[in-house]
Amino acid sequence: MRIESEIDSASANIFTGAGVEYLIQTPEGALYCVYIDNFTDVLFKKSSDGGRTWSPSTLIFVGSALALSVWYDRWSNIAAGLIHCAYTDSGVDDTLYRTINTESSDALSTQTAIFAGATALAGGQLSITRSRGGNVYCRTCIDAGAEGGFFRLLNANVPNGAWDAARTINEALATTDQMILLPGWAADNQDIMAFFWDASADEISRQLYDDSANSWSETSIATTMVDQTAVTAFPHFSAAVDISNSRNLLVAWSAVDLLNADLRCWHITESAITEVANLVLNSPDDQGLCAIAIQTDTGKWIVAYFGKSDGSETFNTSMNLYLRASSDSGSSWGTEAVISTRLRSIKSLWTAPRQVGLFFVFVAQETNEPKLYLACPADTPHASYQMGVM
């Protein structure tokens, strides 16, 4: 049966600051949701029964968090259980870091500072990842783009260790620019990849970081990609790691809440940028948000988005959650299927980029407050089960 469970009823700031957030699923089937609550604390909840019920919250940070990004070791093909959490706080004006050890009773590491800023009042962007070789990298932009940088954890096996002095950045980030860091697939397994949405140029590009040379290169993925600021709804592009084929996947709306917008999809390596079939072609308007996942047991690509493709809903005040699946690496997509239970005002959407089953998390603006929900369709198993390496 289709289920929808409430994770938290105080989650107003979950998309503030355009951080990159994910739901995490372990090989044992546990779900972890890391988020910023209405009090701007960073915390997580855990479900051991496929999202039916959730544990009490565990505080990661108490303060005034503006942005959050997480990464899980197994998304980098590393057989370990750390969830890497980066968050920016306006109280101390820093970007901070802490890990959750899913293989050691969810123990939290000692908090460390990635970047010590002067002001973190508004605007910015945040993304964290781990390379296949084990390095942890973070790109942070705070204070409306005035501060930040690109940083590397010196010893990723010591989460409370020191962060490197600022590494080379490819270009300064503006207030509304967005970036997703991902592991790369080059011969050097410490190299990484980034998908960069340049708001002023309306362009998404692939950026490659060479760790040994401490340098970046950039290639355009798509132009005429019109972004939307995160304070309205976020995100409108999403990425997943296709470990089996040594590539990364990307989906993005060419425009949001606009007639004739397309929901586009690519698979990308260091040597090739390959666009596959559009999920939505020539939208009738009133569509946006997206999240992509790979089902590791079936190999299917699943993409979710808000707004029905017949134009009958209203972005972002009255929408349902829909998905389409591909069994042929994006060459074709199945029929649009609804997976939420009622029309609502939606603020945010994300998923576990690698998972068994199918789970999506979203923020809905209810009558008095935003609430955080998990939704999964009818064919998803809901009990604890062994799933193998993610």
Protein backbone atom coordinates (compact mmCIF):
# COMPACT_ATOMS: atom_id res chain seq x y z
CA MET A 1 0.00 0.00 0.00
CA ARG A 2 1.08 3.60 -0.59
CA ILE A 3 2.23 5.31 2.60
CA GLU A 4 2.89 8.87 3.64
CA SER A 5 4.38 9.52 7.05
CA GLU A 6 5.04 12.77 8.87
CA ILE A 7 8.68 13.07 9.87
CA ASP A 8 8.55 16.48 11.57
CA SER A 9 6.02 19.29 11.97
CA ALA A 10 8.65 22.02 12.40
CA SER A 11 10.75 22.20 9.26
CA ALA A 12 10.45 25.70 7.85
CA ASN A 13 14.10 26.16 6.94
CA ILE A 14 14.80 22.92 5.17
CA PHE A 15 15.65 24.51 1.82
CA THR A 16 16.97 27.88 2.97
CA GLY A 17 20.37 28.72 1.52
CA ALA A 18 20.15 26.28 -1.39
CA GLY A 19 22.04 23.48 0.31
CA VAL A 20 22.10 20.03 -1.29
CA GLU A 21 20.30 17.54 0.93
CA TYR A 22 19.57 13.84 0.56
CA LEU A 23 17.70 11.08 2.29
CA ILE A 24 20.05 8.22 3.30
CA GLN A 25 19.33 4.49 3.16
CA THR A 26 21.75 1.97 4.66
CA PRO A 27 22.33 -1.62 3.40
CA GLU A 28 20.23 -2.86 6.34
CA GLY A 29 17.24 -0.80 5.22
CA ALA A 30 17.38 2.03 7.77
CA LEU A 31 16.38 5.47 6.55
CA TYR A 32 18.05 8.62 7.88
CA CYS A 33 16.59 12.08 7.28
CA VAL A 34 18.92 14.97 8.12
CA TYR A 35 17.30 18.41 8.08
CA ILE A 36 17.01 21.91 9.52
CA ASP A 37 13.96 22.45 11.71
CA ASN A 38 11.84 25.53 12.31
CA PHE A 39 14.14 26.57 15.13
CA THR A 40 17.08 26.42 12.68
CA ASP A 41 18.75 23.50 14.47
CA VAL A 42 20.30 20.65 12.47
CA LEU A 43 19.01 17.21 13.47
CA PHE A 44 18.22 13.78 12.16
CA LYS A 45 15.54 11.16 12.53
CA LYS A 46 15.77 7.46 11.70
CA SER A 47 13.25 4.88 10.51
CA SER A 48 13.84 1.13 10.77
CA ASP A 49 10.49 0.08 9.29
CA GLY A 50 10.57 1.54 5.79
CA GLY A 51 9.33 4.99 6.79
CA ARG A 52 6.21 3.96 8.68
CA THR A 53 7.52 5.39 11.96
CA TRP A 54 10.43 7.66 12.92
CA SER A 55 12.67 7.89 15.98
CA PRO A 56 12.78 10.97 18.21
CA SER A 57 15.07 13.62 16.76
CA THR A 58 18.79 13.66 17.53
CA LEU A 59 20.40 17.08 17.57
CA ILE A 60 23.50 17.56 15.43
CA PHE A 61 23.77 21.32 15.92
CA VAL A 62 21.86 23.91 17.93
CA GLY A 63 21.99 27.40 16.45
CA SER A 64 20.84 29.38 13.43
CA ALA A 65 21.53 27.12 10.46
CA LEU A 66 20.92 28.59 7.01
CA ALA A 67 22.01 25.75 4.72
CA LEU A 68 22.67 22.01 4.93
CA SER A 69 24.31 19.41 2.71
CA VAL A 70 24.93 15.71 3.36
CA TRP A 71 26.83 12.84 1.73
CA TYR A 72 26.91 9.12 2.52
CA ASP A 73 30.08 7.01 2.14
CA ARG A 74 28.43 4.28 0.05
CA TRP A 75 27.42 6.79 -2.62
CA SER A 76 31.16 7.03 -3.31
CA ASN A 77 31.48 3.22 -3.46
CA ILE A 78 33.20 3.27 -0.07
CA ALA A 79 32.08 0.40 2.16
CA ALA A 80 31.69 2.49 5.29
CA GLY A 81 28.86 4.10 7.17
CA LEU A 82 29.56 7.80 7.73
CA ILE A 83 26.99 10.45 6.87
CA HIS A 84 28.94 13.66 6.27
CA CYS A 85 27.00 16.79 7.30
CA ALA A 86 27.98 20.34 6.37
CA TYR A 87 25.92 23.29 7.59
CA THR A 88 26.24 27.07 7.61
CA ASP A 89 25.25 29.02 10.72
CA SER A 90 24.45 32.73 10.91
CA GLY A 91 25.16 32.88 14.63
CA VAL A 92 28.88 32.13 14.38
CA ASP A 93 29.04 32.93 10.64
CA ASP A 94 30.84 29.65 9.87
CA THR A 95 30.36 26.55 7.76
CA LEU A 96 30.60 23.58 10.12
CA TYR A 97 31.03 19.81 9.80
CA ARG A 98 29.99 16.72 11.71
CA THR A 99 29.44 13.05 10.88
CA ILE A 100 26.89 10.41 11.89
CA ASN A 101 28.38 6.91 12.16
CA THR A 102 25.56 4.60 11.07
CA GLU A 103 27.70 1.55 11.90
CA SER A 104 28.50 2.62 15.45
CA SER A 105 25.18 3.36 17.19
CA ASP A 106 24.77 6.62 15.24
CA ALA A 107 27.66 8.22 17.13
CA LEU A 108 28.31 11.86 16.28
CA SER A 109 31.83 13.10 15.66
CA THR A 110 33.24 16.24 17.24
CA GLN A 111 32.11 19.32 15.34
CA THR A 112 34.80 21.11 13.34
CA ALA A 113 34.86 24.27 11.22
CA ILE A 114 35.23 23.98 7.45
CA PHE A 115 35.28 27.75 6.96
CA ALA A 116 35.31 30.57 9.51
CA GLY A 117 33.44 33.50 8.01
CA ALA A 118 32.78 37.06 9.09
CA THR A 119 29.08 37.34 8.18
CA ALA A 120 26.52 34.76 7.07
CA LEU A 121 23.34 36.79 7.04
CA ALA A 122 21.70 35.83 3.77
CA GLY A 123 22.12 33.99 0.49
CA GLY A 124 24.65 31.38 -0.46
CA GLN A 125 25.14 27.77 -1.46
CA LEU A 126 26.58 24.59 0.05
CA SER A 127 27.59 21.12 -1.15
CA ILE A 128 29.69 18.30 0.31
CA THR A 129 30.90 15.01 -1.18
CA ARG A 130 33.51 12.28 -0.76
CA SER A 131 35.75 11.08 -3.59
CA ARG A 132 36.10 7.39 -4.41
CA GLY A 133 39.60 7.63 -2.96
CA GLY A 134 38.28 8.92 0.36
CA ASN A 135 38.90 12.68 0.40
CA VAL A 136 35.99 14.83 1.63
CA TYR A 137 35.38 18.12 -0.18
CA CYS A 138 33.05 21.03 0.56
CA ARG A 139 32.10 24.07 -1.50
CA THR A 140 30.55 26.81 0.61
CA CYS A 141 29.29 30.25 -0.27
CA ILE A 142 27.88 32.52 2.45
CA ASP A 143 26.97 36.16 3.03
CA ALA A 144 25.25 36.51 -0.35
CA GLY A 145 28.35 35.28 -2.16
CA ALA A 146 30.84 37.56 -0.44
CA GLU A 147 32.62 34.75 1.44
CA GLY A 148 33.36 31.08 1.18
CA GLY A 149 35.56 28.74 -0.82
CA PHE A 150 36.40 25.14 -1.69
CA PHE A 151 37.90 22.99 1.06
CA ARG A 152 39.27 19.45 1.60
CA LEU A 153 39.34 17.38 4.77
CA LEU A 154 42.97 16.47 5.35
CA ASN A 155 42.24 13.02 6.80
CA ALA A 156 38.77 11.74 5.94
CA ASN A 157 39.20 8.82 8.36
CA VAL A 158 39.43 11.31 11.22
CA PRO A 159 36.15 13.28 10.91
CA ASN A 160 37.11 15.68 13.69
CA GLY A 161 40.44 16.44 12.03
CA ALA A 162 41.60 19.61 10.35
CA TRP A 163 40.36 20.98 7.03
CA ASP A 164 42.82 22.08 4.37
CA ALA A 165 43.49 25.71 3.65
CA ALA A 166 41.23 26.93 0.84
CA ARG A 167 41.73 25.03 -2.41
CA THR A 168 41.46 26.56 -5.86
CA ILE A 169 37.96 27.56 -6.94
CA ASN A 170 36.90 27.65 -10.57
CA GLU A 171 34.88 30.84 -10.19
CA ALA A 172 33.21 32.89 -7.50
CA LEU A 173 29.65 31.94 -6.70
CA ALA A 174 26.90 34.53 -6.86
CA THR A 175 23.96 34.59 -4.45
CA THR A 176 21.69 32.42 -6.60
CA ASP A 177 24.26 30.10 -8.21
CA GLN A 178 23.96 26.42 -7.30
CA MET A 179 26.40 23.50 -7.25
CA ILE A 180 26.24 19.75 -6.64
CA LEU A 181 29.55 18.04 -5.79
CA LEU A 182 29.91 14.35 -6.71
CA PRO A 183 32.69 11.76 -6.90
CA GLY A 184 34.48 11.61 -10.23
CA TRP A 185 35.43 8.65 -12.44
CA ALA A 186 38.93 9.59 -13.59
CA ALA A 187 41.98 7.36 -13.10
CA ASP A 188 42.83 9.43 -10.03
CA ASN A 189 40.13 8.36 -7.59
CA GLN A 190 40.59 11.54 -5.52
CA ASP A 191 39.27 13.71 -8.35
CA ILE A 192 35.65 14.87 -8.20
CA MET A 193 32.94 16.31 -10.45
CA ALA A 194 30.52 19.19 -9.96
CA PHE A 195 27.32 20.26 -11.68
CA PHE A 196 27.21 24.06 -11.61
CA TRP A 197 24.10 26.14 -12.33
CA ASP A 198 25.19 29.66 -13.25
CA ALA A 199 22.14 31.81 -12.54
CA SER A 200 23.31 34.87 -14.43
CA ALA A 201 24.21 32.89 -17.57
CA ASP A 202 21.21 30.50 -17.35
CA GLU A 203 23.66 27.64 -17.92
CA ILE A 204 24.47 24.30 -16.28
CA SER A 205 28.03 23.05 -16.70
CA ARG A 206 30.17 20.09 -15.72
CA GLN A 207 33.19 21.08 -13.66
CA LEU A 208 36.05 18.61 -13.07
CA TYR A 209 38.44 18.97 -10.14
CA ASP A 210 41.95 17.52 -10.46
CA ASP A 211 43.06 16.90 -6.89
CA SER A 212 46.78 16.45 -7.56
CA ALA A 213 46.96 19.61 -9.69
CA ASN A 214 44.47 21.52 -7.50
CA SER A 215 42.77 22.80 -10.65
CA TRP A 216 39.35 22.88 -12.34
CA SER A 217 38.13 22.53 -15.91
CA GLU A 218 34.63 23.31 -17.19
CA THR A 219 32.37 22.16 -20.04
CA SER A 220 28.84 23.38 -20.77
CA ILE A 221 26.01 20.87 -20.31
CA ALA A 222 23.05 23.05 -21.31
CA THR A 223 22.20 26.70 -21.91
CA THR A 224 18.84 28.53 -21.62
CA MET A 225 18.37 26.87 -18.21
CA VAL A 226 16.40 29.45 -16.19
CA ASP A 227 16.77 28.97 -12.45
CA GLN A 228 14.43 29.91 -9.62
CA THR A 229 15.57 31.29 -6.27
CA ALA A 230 15.57 28.81 -3.39
CA VAL A 231 13.27 30.94 -1.23
CA THR A 232 10.36 30.01 -3.53
CA ALA A 233 11.03 26.27 -3.85
CA PHE A 234 14.15 24.10 -4.17
CA PRO A 235 15.74 22.15 -5.84
CA HIS A 236 14.96 22.13 -9.55
CA PHE A 237 17.97 20.00 -10.44
CA SER A 238 19.16 16.74 -8.89
CA ALA A 239 21.99 14.23 -9.31
CA ALA A 240 22.70 10.57 -8.57
CA VAL A 241 25.78 8.35 -8.71
CA ASP A 242 25.65 5.44 -11.17
CA ILE A 243 28.44 3.34 -9.67
CA SER A 244 27.84 0.31 -11.92
CA ASN A 245 28.52 2.39 -15.04
CA SER A 246 31.09 4.85 -13.62
CA ARG A 247 29.05 7.96 -14.35
CA ASN A 248 26.81 10.55 -12.73
CA LEU A 249 23.20 11.33 -13.60
CA LEU A 250 21.60 14.76 -13.76
CA VAL A 251 18.00 15.95 -14.15
CA ALA A 252 17.01 19.62 -14.38
CA TRP A 253 14.08 21.80 -15.39
CA SER A 254 14.84 24.21 -18.23
CA ALA A 255 12.46 26.61 -16.46
CA VAL A 256 10.13 26.43 -13.47
CA ASP A 257 6.40 27.10 -13.48
CA LEU A 258 6.55 28.14 -17.12
CA LEU A 259 4.81 27.11 -20.33
CA ASN A 260 6.93 24.86 -22.60
CA ALA A 261 9.53 24.08 -19.93
CA ASP A 262 11.30 20.71 -20.23
CA LEU A 263 12.47 18.30 -17.55
CA ARG A 264 15.79 17.16 -19.06
CA CYS A 265 18.13 14.29 -18.18
CA TRP A 266 21.79 13.37 -18.83
CA HIS A 267 24.39 10.78 -17.91
CA ILE A 268 27.84 12.31 -17.59
CA THR A 269 31.46 11.18 -17.34
CA GLU A 270 34.79 13.00 -17.60
CA SER A 271 34.79 12.40 -21.37
CA ALA A 272 31.12 12.57 -22.38
CA ILE A 273 27.93 14.50 -21.69
CA THR A 274 25.01 12.47 -23.03
CA GLU A 275 21.45 13.78 -23.00
CA VAL A 276 18.69 11.16 -22.95
CA ALA A 277 14.92 11.46 -23.37
CA ASN A 278 13.09 14.33 -21.68
CA LEU A 279 10.80 13.33 -18.83
CA VAL A 280 8.52 16.29 -19.54
CA LEU A 281 8.52 17.97 -22.94
CA ASN A 282 6.78 21.33 -23.39
CA SER A 283 5.22 21.56 -19.96
CA PRO A 284 1.73 23.09 -19.82
CA ASP A 285 3.01 25.25 -16.91
CA ASP A 286 2.73 24.78 -13.13
CA GLN A 287 5.49 22.19 -12.75
CA GLY A 288 8.83 22.17 -10.95
CA LEU A 289 11.13 20.57 -8.35
CA CYS A 290 12.81 17.25 -9.11
CA ALA A 291 14.73 14.39 -7.51
CA ILE A 292 16.44 11.40 -9.15
CA ALA A 293 17.18 7.99 -7.66
CA ILE A 294 18.70 4.74 -8.90
CA GLN A 295 17.07 1.55 -7.62
CA THR A 296 20.13 -0.59 -6.97
CA ASP A 297 18.22 -3.89 -7.09
CA THR A 298 16.42 -3.25 -10.40
CA GLY A 299 18.74 -0.73 -12.07
CA LYS A 300 15.77 1.56 -12.79
CA TRP A 301 16.10 5.32 -12.82
CA ILE A 302 13.26 7.03 -10.97
CA VAL A 303 12.59 10.76 -11.23
CA ALA A 304 9.98 12.57 -9.13
CA TYR A 305 8.61 16.08 -9.63
CA PHE A 306 5.65 18.20 -8.58
CA GLY A 307 2.78 19.26 -10.83
CA LYS A 308 0.68 17.11 -13.17
CA SER A 309 1.64 17.18 -16.83
CA ASP A 310 -1.86 18.17 -17.97
CA GLY A 311 -1.58 21.61 -16.37
CA SER A 312 -4.45 21.02 -13.93
CA GLU A 313 -2.47 21.92 -10.79
CA THR A 314 -1.03 25.20 -9.51
CA PHE A 315 2.64 25.72 -8.74
CA ASN A 316 3.55 25.88 -5.91
CA THR A 317 0.29 26.21 -3.98
CA SER A 318 -1.69 23.11 -4.99
CA MET A 319 0.39 20.21 -6.31
CA ASN A 320 0.81 16.47 -6.10
CA LEU A 321 4.03 14.44 -6.38
CA TYR A 322 4.53 12.44 -9.59
CA LEU A 323 7.18 10.05 -10.85
CA ARG A 324 8.34 8.43 -14.05
CA ALA A 325 10.68 5.43 -14.33
CA SER A 326 13.17 4.26 -16.94
CA SER A 327 14.49 0.72 -17.37
CA ASP A 328 16.77 1.59 -20.31
CA SER A 329 19.08 4.29 -18.93
CA GLY A 330 16.78 7.14 -19.90
CA SER A 331 16.12 6.17 -23.52
CA SER A 332 12.42 6.02 -22.63
CA TRP A 333 10.27 6.82 -19.61
CA GLY A 334 7.16 5.12 -18.27
CA THR A 335 3.76 6.65 -17.65
CA GLU A 336 3.45 9.49 -15.16
CA ALA A 337 2.24 8.12 -11.78
CA VAL A 338 0.98 10.06 -8.76
CA ILE A 339 2.52 9.10 -5.39
CA SER A 340 1.30 11.75 -2.94
CA THR A 341 -2.09 11.68 -1.26
CA ARG A 342 -3.47 15.21 -1.64
CA LEU A 343 -2.85 18.61 -3.24
CA ARG A 344 -0.63 20.91 -1.20
CA SER A 345 1.74 23.86 -1.24
CA ILE A 346 5.21 22.37 -1.66
CA LYS A 347 8.56 23.93 -0.80
CA SER A 348 11.21 21.24 -1.20
CA LEU A 349 11.87 17.72 -2.54
CA TRP A 350 14.68 15.19 -2.32
CA THR A 351 15.37 11.47 -2.19
CA ALA A 352 18.07 8.88 -1.52
CA PRO A 353 20.08 8.88 -4.78
CA ARG A 354 20.84 5.16 -4.38
CA GLN A 355 18.21 2.96 -2.75
CA VAL A 356 16.13 -0.21 -2.74
CA GLY A 357 12.41 0.52 -2.75
CA LEU A 358 11.43 4.09 -3.40
CA PHE A 359 11.29 6.95 -0.92
CA PHE A 360 10.84 10.70 -1.36
CA VAL A 361 10.92 13.46 1.25
CA PHE A 362 9.18 16.80 0.79
CA VAL A 363 8.19 19.90 2.73
CA ALA A 364 4.52 20.87 2.53
CA GLN A 365 3.17 24.20 3.77
CA GLU A 366 0.18 23.23 5.87
CA THR A 367 -2.40 25.65 7.35
CA ASN A 368 -0.24 26.89 10.21
CA GLU A 369 3.25 25.53 9.57
CA PRO A 370 5.40 23.63 7.10
CA LYS A 371 5.72 19.90 7.72
CA LEU A 372 8.25 17.33 6.59
CA TYR A 373 6.85 14.17 4.98
CA LEU A 374 8.09 10.92 3.52
CA ALA A 375 6.12 9.37 0.66
CA CYS A 376 6.55 6.03 -1.09
CA PRO A 377 4.43 4.31 -3.73
CA ALA A 378 2.59 1.01 -3.47
CA ASP A 379 5.37 -1.26 -4.71
CA THR A 380 7.87 -0.25 -2.01
CA PRO A 381 8.62 -2.76 0.79
CA HIS A 382 8.00 -1.31 4.24
CA ALA A 383 9.76 -3.62 6.66
CA SER A 384 13.36 -3.90 7.78
CA TYR A 385 15.20 -6.04 5.26
CA GLN A 386 18.71 -6.83 4.07
CA MET A 387 19.48 -5.04 0.82
CA GLY A 388 23.17 -5.49 0.07
CA VAL A 389 25.72 -2.85 -0.78
CA MET A 390 24.20 0.47 -1.89
